[in-house]
Each structure stands twice: as C-alpha cells, then as structure tokens.
Amino acid sequence: MTFKTSHYCNLFVAAMSTAIFIAHAGSGSKTEAFCKEILSWQKPIYTFDSDYNKNLVEMGARPVNMDNVSLWANLFAANNK
C-alpha cells in the first residue's frame, strides 16, 4: 500500500466515523496534518490529555484523561448504537 492509498483509506474511514480517537500525533507530522483536515470537517477528534498531545488539543481535539477514558468509551458506544 502506498502513502497515497493509505491516506485515502484513512480519509474514508474518518468520513464514515462519528468521532475519531488519535492516541498521539507529533507536531508537524502527517498524522497532525490528517487531524487538521478532519477537524476542518467539524468531526470531533479525541486524544489523551497529555503534554505530548498539546498540539492536538490546541487545534481543537478534545482531551480524554486516563481517569475517565472508560466512562468516555461507554458513553460513546451507547450513543452510536
């Protein structure tokens, strides 16, 4: 699979999703650029609340901390049945 086909695959999956969870995206990375594109669609992106993901939160990703990640996952699953 080439970068181009994997990128289009990721875009397709993101388009079909209600929300996206990104564990980490380094500043200036392809993953960060992907997140910017998804956020421009007004789709929510969630990420771990960490200094490592400060760039994502500043772009508009919603932070999830380790204390409430299981609660968040249950609420998200209940809303997508």
PDB file of N, CA and C in Angstrom:
ATOM      1  N   MET A   1       0.851  -1.170   0.000  1.00  0.00           N
ATOM      2  CA  MET A   1       0.000   0.000   0.000  1.00  0.00           C
ATOM      3  C   MET A   1       0.898   1.234   0.000  1.00  0.00           C
ATOM      4  N   THR A   2       0.584   2.169  -0.828  1.00  0.00           N
ATOM      5  CA  THR A   2       1.368   3.402  -0.905  1.00  0.00           C
ATOM      6  C   THR A   2       0.840   4.425   0.103  1.00  0.00           C
ATOM      7  N   PHE A   3       1.601   5.482   0.303  1.00  0.00           N
ATOM      8  CA  PHE A   3       1.134   6.555   1.187  1.00  0.00           C
ATOM      9  C   PHE A   3      -0.192   7.104   0.677  1.00  0.00           C
ATOM     10  N   LYS A   4      -0.281   7.300  -0.639  1.00  0.00           N
ATOM     11  CA  LYS A   4      -1.491   7.882  -1.214  1.00  0.00           C
ATOM     12  C   LYS A   4      -2.709   7.006  -0.953  1.00  0.00           C
ATOM     13  N   THR A   5      -2.597   5.703  -1.178  1.00  0.00           N
ATOM     14  CA  THR A   5      -3.759   4.836  -0.955  1.00  0.00           C
ATOM     15  C   THR A   5      -4.090   4.715   0.526  1.00  0.00           C
ATOM     16  N   SER A   6      -3.074   4.671   1.383  1.00  0.00           N
ATOM     17  CA  SER A   6      -3.364   4.590   2.823  1.00  0.00           C
ATOM     18  C   SER A   6      -3.997   5.883   3.319  1.00  0.00           C
ATOM     19  N   HIS A   7      -3.578   7.008   2.761  1.00  0.00           N
ATOM     20  CA  HIS A   7      -4.167   8.295   3.134  1.00  0.00           C
ATOM     21  C   HIS A   7      -5.650   8.335   2.752  1.00  0.00           C
ATOM     22  N   TYR A   8      -5.965   7.906   1.537  1.00  0.00           N
ATOM     23  CA  TYR A   8      -7.367   7.881   1.108  1.00  0.00           C
ATOM     24  C   TYR A   8      -8.185   6.888   1.925  1.00  0.00           C
ATOM     25  N   CYS A   9      -7.590   5.778   2.293  1.00  0.00           N
ATOM     26  CA  CYS A   9      -8.270   4.808   3.158  1.00  0.00           C
ATOM     27  C   CYS A   9      -8.583   5.445   4.508  1.00  0.00           C
ATOM     28  N   ASN A  10      -7.611   6.146   5.089  1.00  0.00           N
ATOM     29  CA  ASN A  10      -7.825   6.822   6.370  1.00  0.00           C
ATOM     30  C   ASN A  10      -8.897   7.900   6.263  1.00  0.00           C
ATOM     31  N   LEU A  11      -8.898   8.639   5.175  1.00  0.00           N
ATOM     32  CA  LEU A  11      -9.917   9.671   4.973  1.00  0.00           C
ATOM     33  C   LEU A  11     -11.309   9.049   4.860  1.00  0.00           C
ATOM     34  N   PHE A  12     -11.408   7.941   4.160  1.00  0.00           N
ATOM     35  CA  PHE A  12     -12.693   7.258   4.014  1.00  0.00           C
ATOM     36  C   PHE A  12     -13.215   6.789   5.368  1.00  0.00           C
ATOM     37  N   VAL A  13     -12.358   6.152   6.148  1.00  0.00           N
ATOM     38  CA  VAL A  13     -12.766   5.671   7.471  1.00  0.00           C
ATOM     39  C   VAL A  13     -13.167   6.840   8.359  1.00  0.00           C
ATOM     40  N   ALA A  14     -12.416   7.919   8.316  1.00  0.00           N
ATOM     41  CA  ALA A  14     -12.749   9.099   9.119  1.00  0.00           C
ATOM     42  C   ALA A  14     -14.085   9.697   8.684  1.00  0.00           C
ATOM     43  N   ALA A  15     -14.330   9.729   7.385  1.00  0.00           N
ATOM     44  CA  ALA A  15     -15.591  10.275   6.885  1.00  0.00           C
ATOM     45  C   ALA A  15     -16.782   9.446   7.348  1.00  0.00           C
ATOM     46  N   MET A  16     -16.597   8.159   7.477  1.00  0.00           N
ATOM     47  CA  MET A  16     -17.680   7.261   7.889  1.00  0.00           C
ATOM     48  C   MET A  16     -17.862   7.226   9.413  1.00  0.00           C
ATOM     49  N   SER A  17     -16.919   7.781  10.146  1.00  0.00           N
ATOM     50  CA  SER A  17     -16.930   7.729  11.607  1.00  0.00           C
ATOM     51  C   SER A  17     -17.665   8.913  12.209  1.00  0.00           C
ATOM     52  N   THR A  18     -18.239   8.684  13.376  1.00  0.00           N
ATOM     53  CA  THR A  18     -18.874   9.759  14.122  1.00  0.00           C
ATOM     54  C   THR A  18     -17.833  10.619  14.818  1.00  0.00           C
ATOM     55  N   ALA A  19     -16.796   9.968  15.313  1.00  0.00           N
ATOM     56  CA  ALA A  19     -15.702  10.648  16.004  1.00  0.00           C
ATOM     57  C   ALA A  19     -14.438   9.837  15.790  1.00  0.00           C
ATOM     58  N   ILE A  20     -13.298  10.471  16.008  1.00  0.00           N
ATOM     59  CA  ILE A  20     -12.012   9.825  15.789  1.00  0.00           C
ATOM     60  C   ILE A  20     -11.179   9.962  17.055  1.00  0.00           C
ATOM     61  N   PHE A  21     -10.485   8.888  17.411  1.00  0.00           N
ATOM     62  CA  PHE A  21      -9.556   8.934  18.541  1.00  0.00           C
ATOM     63  C   PHE A  21      -8.142   8.810  17.984  1.00  0.00           C
ATOM     64  N   ILE A  22      -7.300   9.765  18.314  1.00  0.00           N
ATOM     65  CA  ILE A  22      -5.892   9.757  17.919  1.00  0.00           C
ATOM     66  C   ILE A  22      -5.071   9.675  19.201  1.00  0.00           C
ATOM     67  N   ALA A  23      -4.313   8.593  19.356  1.00  0.00           N
ATOM     68  CA  ALA A  23      -3.523   8.421  20.569  1.00  0.00           C
ATOM     69  C   ALA A  23      -2.402   9.447  20.653  1.00  0.00           C
ATOM     70  N   HIS A  24      -1.772   9.755  19.521  1.00  0.00           N
ATOM     71  CA  HIS A  24      -0.683  10.733  19.517  1.00  0.00           C
ATOM     72  C   HIS A  24      -0.413  11.165  18.082  1.00  0.00           C
ATOM     73  N   ALA A  25      -0.080  12.425  17.921  1.00  0.00           N
ATOM     74  CA  ALA A  25       0.372  12.963  16.637  1.00  0.00           C
ATOM     75  C   ALA A  25       1.439  14.000  16.926  1.00  0.00           C
ATOM     76  N   GLY A  26       2.628  13.726  16.500  1.00  0.00           N
ATOM     77  CA  GLY A  26       3.727  14.652  16.723  1.00  0.00           C
ATOM     78  C   GLY A  26       3.533  15.954  15.966  1.00  0.00           C
ATOM     79  N   SER A  27       4.082  17.005  16.507  1.00  0.00           N
ATOM     80  CA  SER A  27       3.991  18.319  15.870  1.00  0.00           C
ATOM     81  C   SER A  27       4.672  18.268  14.505  1.00  0.00           C
ATOM     82  N   GLY A  28       3.932  18.687  13.480  1.00  0.00           N
ATOM     83  CA  GLY A  28       4.466  18.693  12.128  1.00  0.00           C
ATOM     84  C   GLY A  28       4.390  17.354  11.418  1.00  0.00           C
ATOM     85  N   SER A  29       3.768  16.366  12.039  1.00  0.00           N
ATOM     86  CA  SER A  29       3.697  15.023  11.444  1.00  0.00           C
ATOM     87  C   SER A  29       2.554  14.900  10.437  1.00  0.00           C
ATOM     88  N   LYS A  30       2.580  13.824   9.671  1.00  0.00           N
ATOM     89  CA  LYS A  30       1.493  13.534   8.737  1.00  0.00           C
ATOM     90  C   LYS A  30       0.195  13.287   9.495  1.00  0.00           C
ATOM     91  N   THR A  31       0.306  12.679  10.665  1.00  0.00           N
ATOM     92  CA  THR A  31      -0.885  12.426  11.481  1.00  0.00           C
ATOM     93  C   THR A  31      -1.495  13.738  11.944  1.00  0.00           C
ATOM     94  N   GLU A  32      -0.662  14.699  12.320  1.00  0.00           N
ATOM     95  CA  GLU A  32      -1.173  16.007  12.712  1.00  0.00           C
ATOM     96  C   GLU A  32      -1.885  16.675  11.532  1.00  0.00           C
ATOM     97  N   ALA A  33      -1.322  16.581  10.340  1.00  0.00           N
ATOM     98  CA  ALA A  33      -1.955  17.152   9.148  1.00  0.00           C
ATOM     99  C   ALA A  33      -3.296  16.467   8.877  1.00  0.00           C
ATOM    100  N   PHE A  34      -3.346  15.164   9.079  1.00  0.00           N
ATOM    101  CA  PHE A  34      -4.592  14.407   8.929  1.00  0.00           C
ATOM    102  C   PHE A  34      -5.635  14.926   9.921  1.00  0.00           C
ATOM    103  N   CYS A  35      -5.227  15.163  11.161  1.00  0.00           N
ATOM    104  CA  CYS A  35      -6.137  15.684  12.183  1.00  0.00           C
ATOM    105  C   CYS A  35      -6.672  17.061  11.798  1.00  0.00           C
ATOM    106  N   LYS A  36      -5.808  17.922  11.277  1.00  0.00           N
ATOM    107  CA  LYS A  36      -6.256  19.249  10.838  1.00  0.00           C
ATOM    108  C   LYS A  36      -7.343  19.127   9.776  1.00  0.00           C
ATOM    109  N   GLU A  37      -7.154  18.194   8.855  1.00  0.00           N
ATOM    110  CA  GLU A  37      -8.144  18.004   7.795  1.00  0.00           C
ATOM    111  C   GLU A  37      -9.466  17.509   8.378  1.00  0.00           C
ATOM    112  N   ILE A  38      -9.404  16.559   9.287  1.00  0.00           N
ATOM    113  CA  ILE A  38     -10.619  16.007   9.893  1.00  0.00           C
ATOM    114  C   ILE A  38     -11.335  17.085  10.715  1.00  0.00           C
ATOM    115  N   LEU A  39     -10.585  17.872  11.469  1.00  0.00           N
ATOM    116  CA  LEU A  39     -11.198  18.943  12.253  1.00  0.00           C
ATOM    117  C   LEU A  39     -11.870  19.983  11.358  1.00  0.00           C
ATOM    118  N   SER A  40     -11.348  20.177  10.147  1.00  0.00           N
ATOM    119  CA  SER A  40     -11.984  21.125   9.227  1.00  0.00           C
ATOM    120  C   SER A  40     -13.351  20.630   8.767  1.00  0.00           C
ATOM    121  N   TRP A  41     -13.604  19.333   8.912  1.00  0.00           N
ATOM    122  CA  TRP A  41     -14.913  18.750   8.588  1.00  0.00           C
ATOM    123  C   TRP A  41     -15.896  18.900   9.742  1.00  0.00           C
ATOM    124  N   GLN A  42     -15.467  19.470  10.846  1.00  0.00           N
ATOM    125  CA  GLN A  42     -16.278  19.604  12.061  1.00  0.00           C
ATOM    126  C   GLN A  42     -16.542  18.248  12.718  1.00  0.00           C
ATOM    127  N   LYS A  43     -15.645  17.279  12.510  1.00  0.00           N
ATOM    128  CA  LYS A  43     -15.739  15.973  13.172  1.00  0.00           C
ATOM    129  C   LYS A  43     -14.927  16.055  14.457  1.00  0.00           C
ATOM    130  N   PRO A  44     -15.473  15.524  15.547  1.00  0.00           N
ATOM    131  CA  PRO A  44     -14.702  15.560  16.789  1.00  0.00           C
ATOM    132  C   PRO A  44     -13.543  14.569  16.771  1.00  0.00           C
ATOM    133  N   ILE A  45     -12.425  15.039  17.263  1.00  0.00           N
ATOM    134  CA  ILE A  45     -11.254  14.195  17.472  1.00  0.00           C
ATOM    135  C   ILE A  45     -10.969  14.198  18.966  1.00  0.00           C
ATOM    136  N   TYR A  46     -10.713  13.027  19.489  1.00  0.00           N
ATOM    137  CA  TYR A  46     -10.357  12.860  20.893  1.00  0.00           C
ATOM    138  C   TYR A  46      -8.918  12.373  20.960  1.00  0.00           C
ATOM    139  N   THR A  47      -8.238  12.764  22.028  1.00  0.00           N
ATOM    140  CA  THR A  47      -6.866  12.341  22.238  1.00  0.00           C
ATOM    141  C   THR A  47      -6.583  12.287  23.731  1.00  0.00           C
ATOM    142  N   PHE A  48      -5.527  11.575  24.105  1.00  0.00           N
ATOM    143  CA  PHE A  48      -5.145  11.539  25.512  1.00  0.00           C
ATOM    144  C   PHE A  48      -4.749  12.932  25.987  1.00  0.00           C
ATOM    145  N   ASP A  49      -5.187  13.277  27.189  1.00  0.00           N
ATOM    146  CA  ASP A  49      -4.821  14.545  27.808  1.00  0.00           C
ATOM    147  C   ASP A  49      -3.388  14.419  28.314  1.00  0.00           C
ATOM    148  N   SER A  50      -2.467  14.936  27.546  1.00  0.00           N
ATOM    149  CA  SER A  50      -1.047  14.790  27.834  1.00  0.00           C
ATOM    150  C   SER A  50      -0.290  15.957  27.223  1.00  0.00           C
ATOM    151  N   ASP A  51       0.829  16.298  27.828  1.00  0.00           N
ATOM    152  CA  ASP A  51       1.677  17.335  27.239  1.00  0.00           C
ATOM    153  C   ASP A  51       2.138  16.943  25.838  1.00  0.00           C
ATOM    154  N   TYR A  52       2.240  15.627  25.577  1.00  0.00           N
ATOM    155  CA  TYR A  52       2.654  15.151  24.264  1.00  0.00           C
ATOM    156  C   TYR A  52       1.620  15.466  23.182  1.00  0.00           C
ATOM    157  N   ASN A  53       0.381  15.676  23.586  1.00  0.00           N
ATOM    158  CA  ASN A  53      -0.689  15.959  22.631  1.00  0.00           C
ATOM    159  C   ASN A  53      -1.196  17.393  22.710  1.00  0.00           C
ATOM    160  N   LYS A  54      -0.407  18.254  23.319  1.00  0.00           N
ATOM    161  CA  LYS A  54      -0.799  19.657  23.456  1.00  0.00           C
ATOM    162  C   LYS A  54      -1.116  20.278  22.096  1.00  0.00           C
ATOM    163  N   ASN A  55      -0.346  19.910  21.066  1.00  0.00           N
ATOM    164  CA  ASN A  55      -0.582  20.449  19.724  1.00  0.00           C
ATOM    165  C   ASN A  55      -1.970  20.064  19.208  1.00  0.00           C
ATOM    166  N   LEU A  56      -2.413  18.837  19.487  1.00  0.00           N
ATOM    167  CA  LEU A  56      -3.739  18.403  19.033  1.00  0.00           C
ATOM    168  C   LEU A  56      -4.851  19.147  19.777  1.00  0.00           C
ATOM    169  N   VAL A  57      -4.686  19.287  21.080  1.00  0.00           N
ATOM    170  CA  VAL A  57      -5.698  19.984  21.885  1.00  0.00           C
ATOM    171  C   VAL A  57      -5.791  21.440  21.451  1.00  0.00           C
ATOM    172  N   GLU A  58      -4.655  22.068  21.173  1.00  0.00           N
ATOM    173  CA  GLU A  58      -4.667  23.459  20.711  1.00  0.00           C
ATOM    174  C   GLU A  58      -5.350  23.606  19.355  1.00  0.00           C
ATOM    175  N   MET A  59      -5.326  22.548  18.544  1.00  0.00           N
ATOM    176  CA  MET A  59      -6.006  22.573  17.240  1.00  0.00           C
ATOM    177  C   MET A  59      -7.505  22.349  17.375  1.00  0.00           C
ATOM    178  N   GLY A  60      -7.937  21.788  18.514  1.00  0.00           N
ATOM    179  CA  GLY A  60      -9.363  21.553  18.711  1.00  0.00           C
ATOM    180  C   GLY A  60      -9.737  20.144  19.108  1.00  0.00           C
ATOM    181  N   ALA A  61      -8.756  19.256  19.229  1.00  0.00           N
ATOM    182  CA  ALA A  61      -9.054  17.897  19.697  1.00  0.00           C
ATOM    183  C   ALA A  61      -9.500  17.959  21.152  1.00  0.00           C
ATOM    184  N   ARG A  62     -10.365  17.052  21.519  1.00  0.00           N
ATOM    185  CA  ARG A  62     -10.899  17.022  22.876  1.00  0.00           C
ATOM    186  C   ARG A  62     -10.084  16.064  23.729  1.00  0.00           C
ATOM    187  N   PRO A  63      -9.542  16.562  24.843  1.00  0.00           N
ATOM    188  CA  PRO A  63      -8.693  15.703  25.672  1.00  0.00           C
ATOM    189  C   PRO A  63      -9.501  14.712  26.515  1.00  0.00           C
ATOM    190  N   VAL A  64      -8.971  13.508  26.617  1.00  0.00           N
ATOM    191  CA  VAL A  64      -9.546  12.452  27.446  1.00  0.00           C
ATOM    192  C   VAL A  64      -8.444  12.021  28.404  1.00  0.00           C
ATOM    193  N   ASN A  65      -8.729  12.063  29.704  1.00  0.00           N
ATOM    194  CA  ASN A  65      -7.690  11.636  30.638  1.00  0.00           C
ATOM    195  C   ASN A  65      -7.886  10.169  31.022  1.00  0.00           C
ATOM    196  N   MET A  66      -6.865   9.592  31.577  1.00  0.00           N
ATOM    197  CA  MET A  66      -6.891   8.161  31.893  1.00  0.00           C
ATOM    198  C   MET A  66      -7.928   7.827  32.961  1.00  0.00           C
ATOM    199  N   ASP A  67      -8.313   8.789  33.782  1.00  0.00           N
ATOM    200  CA  ASP A  67      -9.305   8.533  34.820  1.00  0.00           C
ATOM    201  C   ASP A  67     -10.713   8.378  34.252  1.00  0.00           C
ATOM    202  N   ASN A  68     -10.988   9.000  33.111  1.00  0.00           N
ATOM    203  CA  ASN A  68     -12.347   8.925  32.574  1.00  0.00           C
ATOM    204  C   ASN A  68     -12.440   8.259  31.205  1.00  0.00           C
ATOM    205  N   VAL A  69     -11.368   7.636  30.750  1.00  0.00           N
ATOM    206  CA  VAL A  69     -11.386   7.050  29.410  1.00  0.00           C
ATOM    207  C   VAL A  69     -12.406   5.915  29.295  1.00  0.00           C
ATOM    208  N   SER A  70     -12.575   5.099  30.320  1.00  0.00           N
ATOM    209  CA  SER A  70     -13.555   4.011  30.217  1.00  0.00           C
ATOM    210  C   SER A  70     -14.975   4.570  30.247  1.00  0.00           C
ATOM    211  N   LEU A  71     -15.235   5.589  31.033  1.00  0.00           N
ATOM    212  CA  LEU A  71     -16.545   6.239  31.037  1.00  0.00           C
ATOM    213  C   LEU A  71     -16.828   6.858  29.676  1.00  0.00           C
ATOM    214  N   TRP A  72     -15.842   7.556  29.113  1.00  0.00           N
ATOM    215  CA  TRP A  72     -15.990   8.154  27.791  1.00  0.00           C
ATOM    216  C   TRP A  72     -16.303   7.087  26.752  1.00  0.00           C
ATOM    217  N   ALA A  73     -15.582   5.977  26.776  1.00  0.00           N
ATOM    218  CA  ALA A  73     -15.789   4.909  25.792  1.00  0.00           C
ATOM    219  C   ALA A  73     -17.192   4.322  25.915  1.00  0.00           C
ATOM    220  N   ASN A  74     -17.682   4.137  27.126  1.00  0.00           N
ATOM    221  CA  ASN A  74     -19.034   3.606  27.321  1.00  0.00           C
ATOM    222  C   ASN A  74     -20.090   4.581  26.815  1.00  0.00           C
ATOM    223  N   LEU A  75     -19.922   5.865  27.101  1.00  0.00           N
ATOM    224  CA  LEU A  75     -20.877   6.866  26.610  1.00  0.00           C
ATOM    225  C   LEU A  75     -20.866   6.948  25.093  1.00  0.00           C
ATOM    226  N   PHE A  76     -19.671   6.888  24.519  1.00  0.00           N
ATOM    227  CA  PHE A  76     -19.555   6.945  23.071  1.00  0.00           C
ATOM    228  C   PHE A  76     -20.219   5.737  22.423  1.00  0.00           C
ATOM    229  N   ALA A  77     -20.001   4.557  23.004  1.00  0.00           N
ATOM    230  CA  ALA A  77     -20.605   3.326  22.455  1.00  0.00           C
ATOM    231  C   ALA A  77     -22.128   3.386  22.563  1.00  0.00           C
ATOM    232  N   ALA A  78     -22.635   3.909  23.673  1.00  0.00           N
ATOM    233  CA  ALA A  78     -24.081   3.989  23.860  1.00  0.00           C
ATOM    234  C   ALA A  78     -24.722   4.946  22.865  1.00  0.00           C
ATOM    235  N   ASN A  79     -24.027   6.002  22.503  1.00  0.00           N
ATOM    236  CA  ASN A  79     -24.557   6.986  21.551  1.00  0.00           C
ATOM    237  C   ASN A  79     -24.465   6.527  20.106  1.00  0.00           C
ATOM    238  N   ASN A  80     -23.738   5.453  19.853  1.00  0.00           N
ATOM    239  CA  ASN A  80     -23.554   5.003  18.477  1.00  0.00           C
ATOM    240  C   ASN A  80     -24.186   3.655  18.203  1.00  0.00           C
ATOM    241  N   LYS A  81     -25.201   3.302  18.958  1.00  0.00           N
ATOM    242  CA  LYS A  81     -25.917   2.041  18.710  1.00  0.00           C
ATOM    243  C   LYS A  81     -26.979   2.236  17.685  1.00  0.00           C
TER     244      LYS A  81
END
